[in-house]
């Protein structure tokens, strides 16, 4: 048996709800959210978010790494 109908006609025939307005609304919200999160992809923003507040910049981070790699450091 072949039934020739559009997805819209099949949805109405089966009594399924029309979720297209909800889907469009959710897609718009996702687009806004993703656009806002693109700003977080900025390297400076990511470093500021990842590093604790005790680090004031890359210089302190470099000093921390250098102090840990110093062979004369007591363990």
PDB file of N, CA and C in Angstrom:
ATOM      1  N   UNK A   1       0.841  -1.158   0.000  1.00  0.00           N
ATOM      2  CA  UNK A   1       0.000   0.000   0.000  1.00  0.00           C
ATOM      3  C   UNK A   1       0.900   1.239   0.000  1.00  0.00           C
ATOM      4  N   UNK A   2       0.669   2.131  -0.904  1.00  0.00           N
ATOM      5  CA  UNK A   2       1.369   3.403  -0.978  1.00  0.00           C
ATOM      6  C   UNK A   2       0.412   4.527  -0.624  1.00  0.00           C
ATOM      7  N   UNK A   3       0.877   5.392   0.250  1.00  0.00           N
ATOM      8  CA  UNK A   3       0.083   6.567   0.600  1.00  0.00           C
ATOM      9  C   UNK A   3       0.897   7.786   0.207  1.00  0.00           C
ATOM     10  N   UNK A   4       0.307   8.603  -0.623  1.00  0.00           N
ATOM     11  CA  UNK A   4       0.994   9.798  -1.095  1.00  0.00           C
ATOM     12  C   UNK A   4       0.463  10.999  -0.316  1.00  0.00           C
ATOM     13  N   UNK A   5       1.291  11.472   0.644  1.00  0.00           N
ATOM     14  CA  UNK A   5       0.888  12.648   1.418  1.00  0.00           C
ATOM     15  C   UNK A   5       2.133  13.379   1.903  1.00  0.00           C
ATOM     16  N   UNK A   6       1.943  14.604   2.265  1.00  0.00           N
ATOM     17  CA  UNK A   6       3.050  15.403   2.786  1.00  0.00           C
ATOM     18  C   UNK A   6       3.235  15.091   4.266  1.00  0.00           C
ATOM     19  N   UNK A   7       4.375  15.428   4.830  1.00  0.00           N
ATOM     20  CA  UNK A   7       4.558  15.232   6.270  1.00  0.00           C
ATOM     21  C   UNK A   7       3.503  15.981   7.093  1.00  0.00           C
ATOM     22  N   UNK A   8       3.108  17.161   6.627  1.00  0.00           N
ATOM     23  CA  UNK A   8       2.072  17.936   7.322  1.00  0.00           C
ATOM     24  C   UNK A   8       0.744  17.177   7.325  1.00  0.00           C
ATOM     25  N   UNK A   9       0.381  16.613   6.176  1.00  0.00           N
ATOM     26  CA  UNK A   9      -0.866  15.849   6.082  1.00  0.00           C
ATOM     27  C   UNK A   9      -0.807  14.606   6.966  1.00  0.00           C
ATOM     28  N   UNK A  10       0.322  13.933   7.007  1.00  0.00           N
ATOM     29  CA  UNK A  10       0.467  12.744   7.854  1.00  0.00           C
ATOM     30  C   UNK A  10       0.354  13.119   9.325  1.00  0.00           C
ATOM     31  N   UNK A  11       0.960  14.247   9.711  1.00  0.00           N
ATOM     32  CA  UNK A  11       0.889  14.698  11.100  1.00  0.00           C
ATOM     33  C   UNK A  11      -0.557  14.971  11.503  1.00  0.00           C
ATOM     34  N   UNK A  12      -1.291  15.681  10.644  1.00  0.00           N
ATOM     35  CA  UNK A  12      -2.693  15.997  10.937  1.00  0.00           C
ATOM     36  C   UNK A  12      -3.520  14.715  10.986  1.00  0.00           C
ATOM     37  N   UNK A  13      -3.292  13.803  10.052  1.00  0.00           N
ATOM     38  CA  UNK A  13      -4.051  12.552  10.004  1.00  0.00           C
ATOM     39  C   UNK A  13      -3.833  11.724  11.268  1.00  0.00           C
ATOM     40  N   UNK A  14      -2.586  11.688  11.751  1.00  0.00           N
ATOM     41  CA  UNK A  14      -2.279  10.901  12.944  1.00  0.00           C
ATOM     42  C   UNK A  14      -2.615  11.636  14.237  1.00  0.00           C
ATOM     43  N   UNK A  15      -3.012  12.895  14.131  1.00  0.00           N
ATOM     44  CA  UNK A  15      -3.398  13.656  15.319  1.00  0.00           C
ATOM     45  C   UNK A  15      -2.220  14.133  16.148  1.00  0.00           C
ATOM     46  N   UNK A  16      -1.064  14.261  15.525  1.00  0.00           N
ATOM     47  CA  UNK A  16       0.121  14.719  16.247  1.00  0.00           C
ATOM     48  C   UNK A  16       0.121  16.245  16.335  1.00  0.00           C
ATOM     49  N   UNK A  17       0.670  16.782  17.406  1.00  0.00           N
ATOM     50  CA  UNK A  17       0.666  18.242  17.563  1.00  0.00           C
ATOM     51  C   UNK A  17       1.653  18.909  16.605  1.00  0.00           C
ATOM     52  N   UNK A  18       1.369  20.164  16.280  1.00  0.00           N
ATOM     53  CA  UNK A  18       2.264  20.952  15.433  1.00  0.00           C
ATOM     54  C   UNK A  18       3.296  21.609  16.345  1.00  0.00           C
ATOM     55  N   UNK A  19       4.524  21.109  16.312  1.00  0.00           N
ATOM     56  CA  UNK A  19       5.582  21.625  17.188  1.00  0.00           C
ATOM     57  C   UNK A  19       6.510  22.598  16.462  1.00  0.00           C
ATOM     58  N   UNK A  20       6.185  22.955  15.229  1.00  0.00           N
ATOM     59  CA  UNK A  20       7.058  23.839  14.463  1.00  0.00           C
ATOM     60  C   UNK A  20       7.250  25.202  15.133  1.00  0.00           C
ATOM     61  N   UNK A  21       6.204  25.866  15.663  1.00  0.00           N
ATOM     62  CA  UNK A  21       6.447  27.153  16.338  1.00  0.00           C
ATOM     63  C   UNK A  21       7.380  27.016  17.548  1.00  0.00           C
ATOM     64  N   UNK A  22       7.213  25.949  18.314  1.00  0.00           N
ATOM     65  CA  UNK A  22       8.084  25.719  19.466  1.00  0.00           C
ATOM     66  C   UNK A  22       9.516  25.454  18.999  1.00  0.00           C
ATOM     67  N   UNK A  23       9.668  24.668  17.946  1.00  0.00           N
ATOM     68  CA  UNK A  23      10.993  24.360  17.422  1.00  0.00           C
ATOM     69  C   UNK A  23      11.678  25.629  16.915  1.00  0.00           C
ATOM     70  N   UNK A  24      10.947  26.489  16.222  1.00  0.00           N
ATOM     71  CA  UNK A  24      11.524  27.740  15.731  1.00  0.00           C
ATOM     72  C   UNK A  24      11.962  28.627  16.890  1.00  0.00           C
ATOM     73  N   UNK A  25      11.141  28.687  17.942  1.00  0.00           N
ATOM     74  CA  UNK A  25      11.485  29.489  19.123  1.00  0.00           C
ATOM     75  C   UNK A  25      12.755  28.956  19.791  1.00  0.00           C
ATOM     76  N   UNK A  26      12.833  27.645  19.967  1.00  0.00           N
ATOM     77  CA  UNK A  26      14.012  27.045  20.591  1.00  0.00           C
ATOM     78  C   UNK A  26      15.260  27.239  19.738  1.00  0.00           C
ATOM     79  N   UNK A  27      15.121  27.151  18.433  1.00  0.00           N
ATOM     80  CA  UNK A  27      16.271  27.363  17.549  1.00  0.00           C
ATOM     81  C   UNK A  27      16.771  28.804  17.635  1.00  0.00           C
ATOM     82  N   UNK A  28      15.853  29.770  17.743  1.00  0.00           N
ATOM     83  CA  UNK A  28      16.260  31.170  17.894  1.00  0.00           C
ATOM     84  C   UNK A  28      17.005  31.365  19.211  1.00  0.00           C
ATOM     85  N   UNK A  29      16.493  30.755  20.291  1.00  0.00           N
ATOM     86  CA  UNK A  29      17.165  30.860  21.595  1.00  0.00           C
ATOM     87  C   UNK A  29      18.551  30.232  21.549  1.00  0.00           C
ATOM     88  N   UNK A  30      18.670  29.085  20.889  1.00  0.00           N
ATOM     89  CA  UNK A  30      19.974  28.433  20.775  1.00  0.00           C
ATOM     90  C   UNK A  30      20.943  29.298  19.984  1.00  0.00           C
ATOM     91  N   UNK A  31      20.454  29.939  18.929  1.00  0.00           N
ATOM     92  CA  UNK A  31      21.312  30.794  18.118  1.00  0.00           C
ATOM     93  C   UNK A  31      21.813  31.982  18.935  1.00  0.00           C
ATOM     94  N   UNK A  32      20.944  32.582  19.732  1.00  0.00           N
ATOM     95  CA  UNK A  32      21.352  33.705  20.584  1.00  0.00           C
ATOM     96  C   UNK A  32      22.377  33.236  21.608  1.00  0.00           C
ATOM     97  N   UNK A  33      22.124  32.085  22.212  1.00  0.00           N
ATOM     98  CA  UNK A  33      23.041  31.545  23.216  1.00  0.00           C
ATOM     99  C   UNK A  33      24.403  31.220  22.609  1.00  0.00           C
ATOM    100  N   UNK A  34      24.412  30.593  21.450  1.00  0.00           N
ATOM    101  CA  UNK A  34      25.677  30.256  20.795  1.00  0.00           C
ATOM    102  C   UNK A  34      26.437  31.508  20.383  1.00  0.00           C
ATOM    103  N   UNK A  35      25.726  32.508  19.909  1.00  0.00           N
ATOM    104  CA  UNK A  35      26.382  33.762  19.528  1.00  0.00           C
ATOM    105  C   UNK A  35      27.018  34.425  20.737  1.00  0.00           C
ATOM    106  N   UNK A  36      26.327  34.380  21.874  1.00  0.00           N
ATOM    107  CA  UNK A  36      26.878  34.966  23.094  1.00  0.00           C
ATOM    108  C   UNK A  36      28.096  34.186  23.566  1.00  0.00           C
ATOM    109  N   UNK A  37      28.070  32.872  23.403  1.00  0.00           N
ATOM    110  CA  UNK A  37      29.184  32.043  23.852  1.00  0.00           C
ATOM    111  C   UNK A  37      30.397  32.146  22.941  1.00  0.00           C
ATOM    112  N   UNK A  38      30.223  32.656  21.737  1.00  0.00           N
ATOM    113  CA  UNK A  38      31.377  32.836  20.857  1.00  0.00           C
ATOM    114  C   UNK A  38      32.359  33.830  21.453  1.00  0.00           C
ATOM    115  N   UNK A  39      31.859  34.770  22.239  1.00  0.00           N
ATOM    116  CA  UNK A  39      32.738  35.730  22.893  1.00  0.00           C
ATOM    117  C   UNK A  39      33.654  35.021  23.884  1.00  0.00           C
ATOM    118  N   UNK A  40      33.177  33.914  24.448  1.00  0.00           N
ATOM    119  CA  UNK A  40      33.986  33.153  25.400  1.00  0.00           C
ATOM    120  C   UNK A  40      35.114  32.401  24.702  1.00  0.00           C
ATOM    121  N   UNK A  41      35.076  32.325  23.385  1.00  0.00           N
ATOM    122  CA  UNK A  41      36.132  31.640  22.648  1.00  0.00           C
ATOM    123  C   UNK A  41      37.369  32.519  22.484  1.00  0.00           C
ATOM    124  N   UNK A  42      37.269  33.781  22.870  1.00  0.00           N
ATOM    125  CA  UNK A  42      38.410  34.689  22.823  1.00  0.00           C
ATOM    126  C   UNK A  42      39.465  34.171  23.800  1.00  0.00           C
ATOM    127  N   UNK A  43      40.724  33.988  23.368  1.00  0.00           N
ATOM    128  CA  UNK A  43      41.749  33.418  24.250  1.00  0.00           C
ATOM    129  C   UNK A  43      41.913  34.179  25.561  1.00  0.00           C
ATOM    130  N   UNK A  44      41.879  35.492  25.505  1.00  0.00           N
ATOM    131  CA  UNK A  44      42.038  36.274  26.729  1.00  0.00           C
ATOM    132  C   UNK A  44      40.886  36.015  27.696  1.00  0.00           C
ATOM    133  N   UNK A  45      39.674  35.915  27.183  1.00  0.00           N
ATOM    134  CA  UNK A  45      38.512  35.637  28.023  1.00  0.00           C
ATOM    135  C   UNK A  45      38.609  34.240  28.626  1.00  0.00           C
ATOM    136  N   UNK A  46      39.067  33.253  27.830  1.00  0.00           N
ATOM    137  CA  UNK A  46      39.186  31.889  28.348  1.00  0.00           C
ATOM    138  C   UNK A  46      40.225  31.814  29.460  1.00  0.00           C
ATOM    139  N   UNK A  47      41.374  32.460  29.271  1.00  0.00           N
ATOM    140  CA  UNK A  47      42.423  32.434  30.292  1.00  0.00           C
ATOM    141  C   UNK A  47      41.921  33.075  31.578  1.00  0.00           C
ATOM    142  N   UNK A  48      41.247  34.210  31.452  1.00  0.00           N
ATOM    143  CA  UNK A  48      40.724  34.885  32.640  1.00  0.00           C
ATOM    144  C   UNK A  48      39.698  34.024  33.366  1.00  0.00           C
ATOM    145  N   UNK A  49      38.919  33.256  32.632  1.00  0.00           N
ATOM    146  CA  UNK A  49      37.916  32.398  33.257  1.00  0.00           C
ATOM    147  C   UNK A  49      38.550  31.162  33.895  1.00  0.00           C
ATOM    148  N   UNK A  50      39.593  30.633  33.280  1.00  0.00           N
ATOM    149  CA  UNK A  50      40.197  29.396  33.764  1.00  0.00           C
ATOM    150  C   UNK A  50      41.137  29.604  34.934  1.00  0.00           C
ATOM    151  N   UNK A  51      41.875  30.696  34.919  1.00  0.00           N
ATOM    152  CA  UNK A  51      42.874  30.899  35.963  1.00  0.00           C
ATOM    153  C   UNK A  51      42.221  31.439  37.230  1.00  0.00           C
ATOM    154  N   UNK A  52      42.692  30.994  38.373  1.00  0.00           N
ATOM    155  CA  UNK A  52      42.161  31.534  39.620  1.00  0.00           C
ATOM    156  C   UNK A  52      42.504  33.019  39.746  1.00  0.00           C
ATOM    157  N   UNK A  53      41.832  33.677  40.654  1.00  0.00           N
ATOM    158  CA  UNK A  53      42.054  35.115  40.822  1.00  0.00           C
ATOM    159  C   UNK A  53      43.427  35.419  41.397  1.00  0.00           C
ATOM    160  N   UNK A  54      44.128  34.409  41.933  1.00  0.00           N
ATOM    161  CA  UNK A  54      45.464  34.662  42.476  1.00  0.00           C
ATOM    162  C   UNK A  54      46.466  34.979  41.381  1.00  0.00           C
ATOM    163  N   UNK A  55      46.192  34.517  40.160  1.00  0.00           N
ATOM    164  CA  UNK A  55      47.072  34.832  39.040  1.00  0.00           C
ATOM    165  C   UNK A  55      46.641  36.165  38.454  1.00  0.00           C
ATOM    166  N   UNK A  56      47.550  37.098  38.400  1.00  0.00           N
ATOM    167  CA  UNK A  56      47.216  38.414  37.862  1.00  0.00           C
ATOM    168  C   UNK A  56      47.652  38.568  36.417  1.00  0.00           C
ATOM    169  N   UNK A  57      48.320  37.598  35.884  1.00  0.00           N
ATOM    170  CA  UNK A  57      48.729  37.702  34.490  1.00  0.00           C
ATOM    171  C   UNK A  57      49.632  36.561  34.096  1.00  0.00           C
ATOM    172  N   UNK A  58      50.054  36.604  32.863  1.00  0.00           N
ATOM    173  CA  UNK A  58      50.916  35.550  32.340  1.00  0.00           C
ATOM    174  C   UNK A  58      52.276  35.528  33.025  1.00  0.00           C
ATOM    175  N   UNK A  59      52.744  36.687  33.499  1.00  0.00           N
ATOM    176  CA  UNK A  59      54.048  36.732  34.161  1.00  0.00           C
ATOM    177  C   UNK A  59      54.051  35.859  35.413  1.00  0.00           C
ATOM    178  N   UNK A  60      52.991  35.951  36.208  1.00  0.00           N
ATOM    179  CA  UNK A  60      52.916  35.124  37.412  1.00  0.00           C
ATOM    180  C   UNK A  60      52.805  33.647  37.050  1.00  0.00           C
ATOM    181  N   UNK A  61      52.083  33.349  35.993  1.00  0.00           N
ATOM    182  CA  UNK A  61      51.963  31.961  35.555  1.00  0.00           C
ATOM    183  C   UNK A  61      53.321  31.424  35.114  1.00  0.00           C
ATOM    184  N   UNK A  62      54.079  32.242  34.390  1.00  0.00           N
ATOM    185  CA  UNK A  62      55.412  31.834  33.966  1.00  0.00           C
ATOM    186  C   UNK A  62      56.329  31.643  35.168  1.00  0.00           C
ATOM    187  N   UNK A  63      56.232  32.532  36.150  1.00  0.00           N
ATOM    188  CA  UNK A  63      57.050  32.392  37.354  1.00  0.00           C
ATOM    189  C   UNK A  63      56.698  31.107  38.096  1.00  0.00           C
ATOM    190  N   UNK A  64      55.418  30.780  38.142  1.00  0.00           N
ATOM    191  CA  UNK A  64      54.991  29.543  38.798  1.00  0.00           C
ATOM    192  C   UNK A  64      55.592  28.330  38.091  1.00  0.00           C
ATOM    193  N   UNK A  65      55.485  28.288  36.771  1.00  0.00           N
ATOM    194  CA  UNK A  65      56.054  27.168  36.020  1.00  0.00           C
ATOM    195  C   UNK A  65      57.568  27.098  36.209  1.00  0.00           C
ATOM    196  N   UNK A  66      58.239  28.235  36.155  1.00  0.00           N
ATOM    197  CA  UNK A  66      59.694  28.261  36.306  1.00  0.00           C
ATOM    198  C   UNK A  66      60.096  27.775  37.690  1.00  0.00           C
ATOM    199  N   UNK A  67      59.348  28.167  38.712  1.00  0.00           N
ATOM    200  CA  UNK A  67      59.695  27.731  40.067  1.00  0.00           C
ATOM    201  C   UNK A  67      59.505  26.224  40.235  1.00  0.00           C
ATOM    202  N   UNK A  68      58.552  25.641  39.544  1.00  0.00           N
ATOM    203  CA  UNK A  68      58.315  24.206  39.640  1.00  0.00           C
ATOM    204  C   UNK A  68      59.353  23.407  38.860  1.00  0.00           C
ATOM    205  N   UNK A  69      59.952  24.020  37.866  1.00  0.00           N
ATOM    206  CA  UNK A  69      60.932  23.326  37.030  1.00  0.00           C
ATOM    207  C   UNK A  69      62.359  23.563  37.488  1.00  0.00           C
ATOM    208  N   UNK A  70      62.559  24.338  38.500  1.00  0.00           N
ATOM    209  CA  UNK A  70      63.895  24.655  39.003  1.00  0.00           C
ATOM    210  C   UNK A  70      64.491  23.405  39.648  1.00  0.00           C
ATOM    211  N   UNK A  71      65.612  22.899  39.140  1.00  0.00           N
ATOM    212  CA  UNK A  71      66.182  21.658  39.681  1.00  0.00           C
ATOM    213  C   UNK A  71      66.724  21.826  41.102  1.00  0.00           C
ATOM    214  N   UNK A  72      67.049  23.030  41.535  1.00  0.00           N
ATOM    215  CA  UNK A  72      67.595  23.224  42.883  1.00  0.00           C
ATOM    216  C   UNK A  72      66.493  23.379  43.930  1.00  0.00           C
ATOM    217  N   UNK A  73      65.253  23.288  43.498  1.00  0.00           N
ATOM    218  CA  UNK A  73      64.116  23.434  44.406  1.00  0.00           C
ATOM    219  C   UNK A  73      64.051  22.231  45.347  1.00  0.00           C
ATOM    220  N   UNK A  74      63.767  22.499  46.627  1.00  0.00           N
ATOM    221  CA  UNK A  74      63.617  21.403  47.596  1.00  0.00           C
ATOM    222  C   UNK A  74      62.266  20.746  47.407  1.00  0.00           C
ATOM    223  N   UNK A  75      62.266  19.427  47.542  1.00  0.00           N
ATOM    224  CA  UNK A  75      61.019  18.682  47.332  1.00  0.00           C
ATOM    225  C   UNK A  75      60.485  18.154  48.601  1.00  0.00           C
TER     226      UNK A  75
END
